[in-house]
Protein backbone atom coordinates (compact mmCIF):
# COMPACT_ATOMS: atom_id res chain seq x y z
CA MET A 1 -0.20 0.16 -0.01
CA ALA A 2 1.10 3.36 -0.92
CA GLY A 3 3.24 5.17 1.87
CA ARG A 4 3.30 2.21 4.16
CA ARG A 5 6.85 1.61 5.37
CA PRO A 6 8.18 -1.37 6.51
CA ALA A 7 8.72 -2.07 10.38
CA ALA A 8 12.18 -0.63 12.11
CA SER A 9 13.55 -4.20 12.62
CA ALA A 10 13.24 -4.90 8.54
CA ARG A 11 14.52 -1.48 7.43
CA LEU A 12 17.97 -1.63 6.14
CA PRO A 13 20.30 1.56 6.76
CA ARG A 14 19.92 4.95 4.98
CA VAL A 15 23.07 6.13 3.56
CA ILE A 16 22.92 10.50 3.19
CA ASP A 17 25.81 11.86 0.99
CA ILE A 18 25.95 15.49 2.20
CA PRO A 19 27.85 17.99 -0.21
CA ALA A 20 30.67 19.36 1.41
CA SER A 21 29.36 23.00 0.72
CA LYS A 22 26.74 21.93 2.92
CA ARG A 23 28.59 19.81 5.41
CA PRO A 24 28.80 21.83 8.91
CA SER A 25 32.27 23.81 9.86
CA VAL A 26 34.79 21.76 12.17
CA PRO A 27 35.92 23.58 14.89
CA SER A 28 39.32 24.32 15.27
CA GLU A 29 41.29 22.85 18.73
CA ALA A 30 41.46 26.10 20.09
CA GLU A 31 37.50 26.60 19.98
CA PRO A 32 35.70 25.06 22.67
CA THR A 33 33.65 22.20 21.75
CA THR A 34 29.92 21.35 22.01
CA SER A 35 28.38 17.91 22.27
CA VAL A 36 24.57 17.99 19.99
CA ALA A 37 22.45 15.03 21.05
CA PRO A 38 21.23 13.02 18.06
CA ASN A 39 18.01 13.62 19.16
CA ASP A 40 15.78 16.64 21.20
CA GLU A 41 14.33 15.94 24.72
CA ASN A 42 11.34 14.59 23.88
CA GLY A 43 13.57 11.62 21.79
CA THR A 44 12.43 12.49 18.77
CA PRO A 45 15.12 11.95 15.90
CA PRO A 46 16.06 15.40 13.92
CA ASN A 47 14.33 16.74 11.52
CA LEU A 48 16.13 16.09 7.88
CA SER A 49 13.55 18.10 5.96
CA SER A 50 15.96 20.93 5.49
CA LEU A 51 19.10 18.84 4.07
CA PRO A 52 19.05 18.76 -0.06
CA ASP A 53 17.21 16.20 -1.97
CA GLU A 54 19.82 15.00 -4.06
CA PRO A 55 22.47 13.23 -3.68
CA LEU A 56 20.50 10.56 -1.69
CA THR A 57 20.92 6.98 -1.73
CA VAL A 58 18.54 4.50 0.16
CA ILE A 59 19.39 0.66 0.11
CA GLU A 60 15.88 -1.14 1.44
CA PRO A 61 14.73 -4.43 0.87
CA SER A 62 12.80 -5.91 -2.13
CA ARG A 63 9.46 -5.92 -1.40
CA THR A 64 8.91 -8.06 -4.66
CA TRP A 65 10.24 -11.08 -6.40
CA ALA A 66 12.78 -9.39 -8.55
CA PRO A 67 15.95 -11.60 -10.09
CA LEU A 68 20.21 -11.54 -8.36
CA LYS A 69 21.49 -8.30 -9.91
CA TRP A 70 25.32 -9.87 -10.68
CA SER A 71 26.53 -6.13 -10.02
CA ASP A 72 25.51 -6.35 -6.14
CA LEU A 73 27.12 -10.02 -5.64
CA TRP A 74 30.70 -8.89 -7.56
CA ALA A 75 31.05 -5.44 -5.40
CA TYR A 76 30.70 -8.06 -2.30
CA ARG A 77 33.08 -10.52 -4.03
CA GLU A 78 35.32 -9.87 -0.99
CA LEU A 79 32.74 -10.87 1.75
CA LEU A 80 32.23 -13.92 0.03
CA PHE A 81 35.85 -15.12 -0.17
CA PHE A 82 36.34 -13.73 3.70
CA LEU A 83 33.86 -16.36 4.39
CA VAL A 84 34.39 -19.16 2.67
CA TRP A 85 38.07 -18.61 4.13
CA ARG A 86 36.32 -18.43 7.35
CA ASP A 87 34.42 -21.32 7.08
CA ILE A 88 37.78 -23.77 6.07
CA LYS A 89 39.43 -22.43 8.98
CA VAL A 90 36.54 -23.04 11.44
CA ARG A 91 35.79 -26.50 9.93
CA TYR A 92 39.28 -27.91 11.49
CA LYS A 93 40.33 -25.60 13.94
CA GLN A 94 41.48 -27.29 17.26
CA THR A 95 41.41 -30.57 15.34
CA ALA A 96 44.76 -33.50 15.72
CA LEU A 97 44.01 -34.59 12.42
CA GLY A 98 42.73 -31.37 10.70
CA ALA A 99 41.81 -31.59 6.69
CA ALA A 100 42.37 -35.28 7.09
CA TRP A 101 39.00 -35.86 8.36
CA ALA A 102 37.41 -35.13 4.41
CA VAL A 103 39.54 -38.12 3.38
CA LEU A 104 38.91 -40.23 5.86
CA GLN A 105 34.78 -40.37 6.31
CA PRO A 106 34.95 -41.33 2.56
CA VAL A 107 37.94 -44.16 3.15
CA PHE A 108 36.14 -45.87 6.05
CA MET A 109 32.61 -46.05 4.59
CA THR A 110 34.25 -47.25 1.36
CA LEU A 111 36.49 -50.46 4.07
CA ILE A 112 32.72 -50.80 5.38
CA PHE A 113 31.08 -51.22 2.33
CA THR A 114 33.49 -53.43 0.75
CA LEU A 115 33.03 -55.60 3.86
CA LEU A 116 29.52 -55.63 3.99
CA PHE A 117 28.38 -55.30 0.18
CA GLY A 118 31.39 -56.31 -1.18
CA ARG A 119 32.11 -59.63 0.62
CA LEU A 120 29.21 -60.99 2.37
CA ALA A 121 26.32 -59.79 -0.40
CA GLY A 122 28.51 -60.40 -3.17
CA LEU A 123 27.58 -57.72 -4.74
CA ASN A 124 30.66 -57.20 -6.64
CA LYS A 125 30.59 -60.55 -8.76
CA GLY A 126 29.90 -60.30 -12.53
CA SER A 127 31.89 -56.70 -12.55
CA ASP A 128 35.10 -55.95 -13.61
CA ILE A 129 35.55 -52.87 -11.48
CA PRO A 130 37.08 -53.95 -7.57
CA TYR A 131 34.40 -53.13 -5.67
CA PRO A 132 36.36 -50.95 -3.02
CA LEU A 133 36.81 -48.87 -5.86
CA PHE A 134 33.54 -48.47 -7.30
CA ALA A 135 32.09 -47.52 -3.91
CA LEU A 136 34.85 -44.75 -3.82
CA ALA A 137 33.55 -43.54 -6.73
CA GLY A 138 30.50 -42.98 -5.44
CA LEU A 139 30.78 -42.31 -1.74
CA VAL A 140 33.50 -38.99 -2.39
CA PRO A 141 30.72 -37.16 -4.80
CA TRP A 142 27.67 -38.19 -2.32
CA THR A 143 29.60 -37.19 1.07
CA SER A 144 30.76 -33.93 -0.67
CA PHE A 145 27.20 -33.29 -1.33
CA ALA A 146 25.55 -34.04 1.84
CA ASN A 147 28.26 -31.73 4.29
CA VAL A 148 27.61 -29.37 1.68
CA VAL A 149 23.98 -29.34 2.00
CA SER A 150 24.29 -30.03 5.77
CA THR A 151 26.55 -26.88 6.66
CA SER A 152 24.44 -24.77 3.50
CA SER A 153 21.08 -25.41 5.34
CA ASN A 154 22.37 -24.32 8.85
CA SER A 155 24.46 -21.01 7.14
CA VAL A 156 22.05 -18.60 7.38
CA VAL A 157 20.91 -19.96 11.16
CA ASN A 158 24.54 -20.15 11.95
CA ASN A 159 24.94 -16.42 10.84
CA ALA A 160 22.39 -14.33 12.75
CA SER A 161 24.48 -12.38 14.35
CA LEU A 162 26.34 -11.20 11.20
CA ILE A 163 22.81 -10.64 9.36
CA THR A 164 21.03 -8.71 12.17
CA LYS A 165 23.84 -6.04 12.12
CA VAL A 166 25.12 -5.29 8.04
CA TYR A 167 23.78 -4.95 5.23
CA PHE A 168 25.00 -7.46 2.26
CA PRO A 169 23.31 -10.05 -0.43
CA ARG A 170 21.65 -12.25 1.89
CA ILE A 171 22.62 -14.80 -0.59
CA ILE A 172 26.21 -14.83 -0.37
CA VAL A 173 26.31 -16.71 3.15
CA PRO A 174 24.89 -20.22 1.51
CA THR A 175 26.84 -19.61 -1.45
CA ALA A 176 30.29 -19.37 0.88
CA ALA A 177 29.44 -22.86 2.67
CA VAL A 178 28.86 -24.31 -0.61
CA ALA A 179 32.03 -22.82 -1.93
CA ALA A 180 34.29 -23.86 0.88
CA GLY A 181 33.03 -27.76 0.38
CA SER A 182 34.63 -27.77 -2.60
CA VAL A 183 37.86 -27.82 -0.73
CA ASP A 184 37.20 -31.11 0.80
CA PHE A 185 35.81 -32.53 -2.37
CA GLY A 186 39.24 -31.62 -3.95
CA LEU A 187 41.35 -33.71 -1.01
CA ALA A 188 38.76 -36.67 -1.46
CA PHE A 189 39.16 -36.83 -4.98
CA ALA A 190 42.86 -36.87 -4.81
CA VAL A 191 42.35 -39.62 -3.08
CA LEU A 192 39.85 -41.60 -5.44
CA ILE A 193 42.07 -40.79 -8.04
CA GLY A 194 45.35 -42.46 -6.38
CA LEU A 195 43.23 -45.65 -6.10
CA VAL A 196 41.88 -45.69 -9.74
CA PHE A 197 45.94 -45.82 -10.59
CA TYR A 198 46.17 -48.16 -8.05
CA TYR A 199 44.12 -50.89 -9.73
CA GLY A 200 45.49 -50.16 -12.81
CA VAL A 201 42.85 -48.17 -14.28
CA MET A 202 43.94 -45.96 -17.02
CA PRO A 203 41.56 -42.92 -17.72
CA THR A 204 40.13 -42.50 -21.42
CA ALA A 205 38.61 -39.19 -22.80
CA ALA A 206 35.17 -39.85 -20.77
CA ALA A 207 37.58 -38.37 -18.00
CA ALA A 208 36.79 -34.85 -19.90
CA MET A 209 33.39 -35.28 -18.22
CA LEU A 210 34.64 -35.19 -14.62
CA PRO A 211 34.27 -31.01 -14.41
CA VAL A 212 30.93 -30.67 -15.93
CA LEU A 213 29.87 -33.82 -12.79
CA ALA A 214 31.32 -31.57 -10.48
CA VAL A 215 29.56 -28.38 -11.45
CA MET A 216 26.15 -30.41 -11.33
CA THR A 217 26.99 -31.84 -8.18
CA PHE A 218 27.76 -28.24 -6.39
CA LEU A 219 25.36 -26.70 -8.44
CA PHE A 220 22.09 -28.97 -7.01
CA ALA A 221 23.73 -28.66 -3.37
CA LEU A 222 23.66 -25.12 -3.75
CA GLY A 223 20.02 -25.40 -4.95
CA ILE A 224 18.93 -27.35 -1.68
CA GLY A 225 21.30 -25.79 0.36
CA THR A 226 19.85 -22.02 -0.51
CA TRP A 227 16.31 -23.44 -0.33
CA LEU A 228 16.58 -25.20 2.97
CA SER A 229 18.49 -22.17 4.92
CA ALA A 230 15.77 -19.93 4.38
CA LEU A 231 13.37 -22.48 5.11
CA ASN A 232 15.11 -23.56 8.45
CA VAL A 233 14.98 -19.68 9.54
CA LYS A 234 11.35 -20.00 10.08
CA TYR A 235 11.21 -24.17 11.00
CA ARG A 236 13.98 -25.43 13.04
CA ASP A 237 12.81 -28.66 12.42
CA VAL A 238 15.03 -28.58 9.09
CA ARG A 239 17.63 -29.52 11.27
CA PHE A 240 16.67 -32.55 12.79
CA VAL A 241 14.96 -34.19 9.62
CA LEU A 242 17.89 -33.26 7.17
CA PRO A 243 20.10 -36.09 8.85
CA PHE A 244 17.46 -38.58 8.45
CA ILE A 245 17.23 -37.54 4.31
CA ILE A 246 21.00 -37.36 4.06
CA GLN A 247 21.38 -40.97 5.29
CA LEU A 248 17.64 -42.32 3.25
CA GLY A 249 19.41 -40.46 0.00
CA LEU A 250 22.26 -42.67 0.01
CA PHE A 251 20.05 -45.79 -0.65
CA VAL A 252 18.65 -44.53 -3.78
CA SER A 253 21.71 -42.53 -5.48
CA SER A 254 23.23 -45.69 -6.60
CA VAL A 255 26.64 -45.45 -4.26
CA ILE A 256 25.76 -48.79 -3.00
CA ILE A 257 24.46 -50.63 -6.10
CA PRO A 258 24.63 -49.32 -10.03
CA SER A 259 21.19 -48.71 -10.79
CA SER A 260 21.30 -51.32 -13.68
CA ALA A 261 20.69 -53.58 -10.78
CA LEU A 262 17.15 -52.75 -10.62
CA PRO A 263 14.01 -53.66 -12.13
CA GLY A 264 12.72 -51.08 -15.49
CA ALA A 265 10.12 -49.74 -12.79
CA TRP A 266 12.50 -48.47 -10.02
CA ARG A 267 15.31 -47.12 -12.67
CA ARG A 268 12.28 -45.10 -14.05
CA VAL A 269 11.59 -43.66 -10.42
CA LEU A 270 15.72 -43.23 -9.73
CA ILE A 271 16.35 -40.72 -13.15
CA LEU A 272 13.78 -38.46 -10.31
CA ASN A 273 17.01 -38.26 -8.01
CA PRO A 274 19.99 -36.22 -9.81
CA MET A 275 22.61 -37.44 -7.60
CA SER A 276 21.59 -40.92 -8.97
CA ALA A 277 22.57 -39.80 -12.51
CA ILE A 278 25.50 -37.81 -11.11
CA VAL A 279 27.20 -40.71 -9.05
CA GLU A 280 26.99 -43.12 -12.01
CA GLY A 281 28.24 -40.23 -14.45
CA TYR A 282 31.56 -40.17 -12.44
CA ARG A 283 32.05 -43.52 -12.26
CA SER A 284 31.44 -43.87 -16.59
CA ALA A 285 34.14 -40.61 -16.85
CA LEU A 286 36.54 -42.56 -14.10
CA PHE A 287 36.38 -46.11 -15.81
CA GLY A 288 35.17 -45.55 -19.23
CA GLN A 289 32.07 -46.82 -19.30
CA PRO A 290 29.24 -45.50 -21.70
CA PHE A 291 27.02 -42.20 -20.53
CA ASP A 292 23.53 -42.20 -19.50
CA TRP A 293 22.75 -39.24 -21.84
CA PRO A 294 18.97 -39.26 -20.61
CA ALA A 295 19.98 -39.39 -17.00
CA LEU A 296 22.25 -36.93 -17.09
CA ALA A 297 20.07 -34.59 -18.73
CA ALA A 298 16.87 -35.05 -16.45
CA ALA A 299 19.41 -34.49 -13.73
CA ALA A 300 20.34 -30.91 -15.48
CA VAL A 301 16.84 -30.29 -16.06
CA ILE A 302 16.31 -31.08 -12.64
CA ILE A 303 18.87 -29.06 -11.28
CA SER A 304 18.38 -25.83 -13.00
CA GLY A 305 14.95 -25.78 -11.50
CA MET A 306 15.71 -26.44 -8.00
CA LEU A 307 17.89 -23.75 -8.48
CA VAL A 308 16.01 -21.10 -9.99
CA TYR A 309 12.92 -22.15 -7.45
CA SER A 310 15.03 -21.97 -4.34
CA VAL A 311 16.90 -18.07 -5.86
CA TYR A 312 13.03 -17.37 -6.09
CA PHE A 313 11.97 -18.53 -2.34
CA PHE A 314 15.27 -17.26 -0.63
CA ARG A 315 14.86 -13.59 -2.34
CA ARG A 316 10.67 -13.83 -1.43
CA VAL A 317 11.93 -14.21 2.51
CA GLU A 318 14.69 -12.57 3.25
CA LYS A 319 13.48 -9.76 4.35
CA GLY A 320 11.93 -11.17 6.88
CA PHE A 321 14.94 -13.16 8.32
CA ALA A 322 15.86 -9.99 10.86
CA ASP A 323 12.59 -10.23 12.22
CA ILE A 324 12.83 -13.98 12.74
CA ILE A 325 16.29 -15.68 13.14
């Protein structure tokens, strides 16, 4: 409604630039100084109507959906780099093993999967790929995706003190959490490459798809994490439900067994999970196997739609973060 002003807690700082000719003179050291209270005796703010109309810059939250302005994100790029660096330092601060935890998690899970599913269940029978290599090729992208979604979904709540005091594009917060997770992915992927050469698997031209699959992995994590981070501000149940969903997703993402081992009806359902196609894409790129292009195309469409919707949802509710966080 015209004339309606947003609540005081939701308004952003008002920046006023007064020309030099209009600014009050500063007293010299020899002159006595007199302190002037910002408000009058009744607590009323001073009347700014005498100030010139121009130049005047007012920063206010968006009241309707508007696409992201890349110029705004570029203007705050240094803050993004700082948040990424801070998340990396805080994650392994005062730990005995440091960044080695990024490698130990998929490695130990590979050992457990090899014992349970490879030897006891016999899931590696009839396959030319050793099961430890098969499992690690799926666990590295899935573990990185799960960790990034978990940290980014709690990023806005964990940075409440920053969000309520300083203005910046709020979407930088979950983006920084996703970018910080790429460091762990790089360390774990280096171990995977070493295991590939240990088993004598030589890379082929299909390995050129690995950067594309990595981008798809983190774009999907960014879409899910951005959406959940905004949802988590109002509904703190997200932090309790998310670990269960992540554990369930491990079994429906082709990490333990390939989708080719499932009946046709289940494979058609599995195509709705982009991580299933991405995990099998990693195996195809590493081991020189044919790609499931229809599944990868469906994953790209779902990831794009999820990313657009998450940005729309985040932008629609971010103006109320300072009131309820």
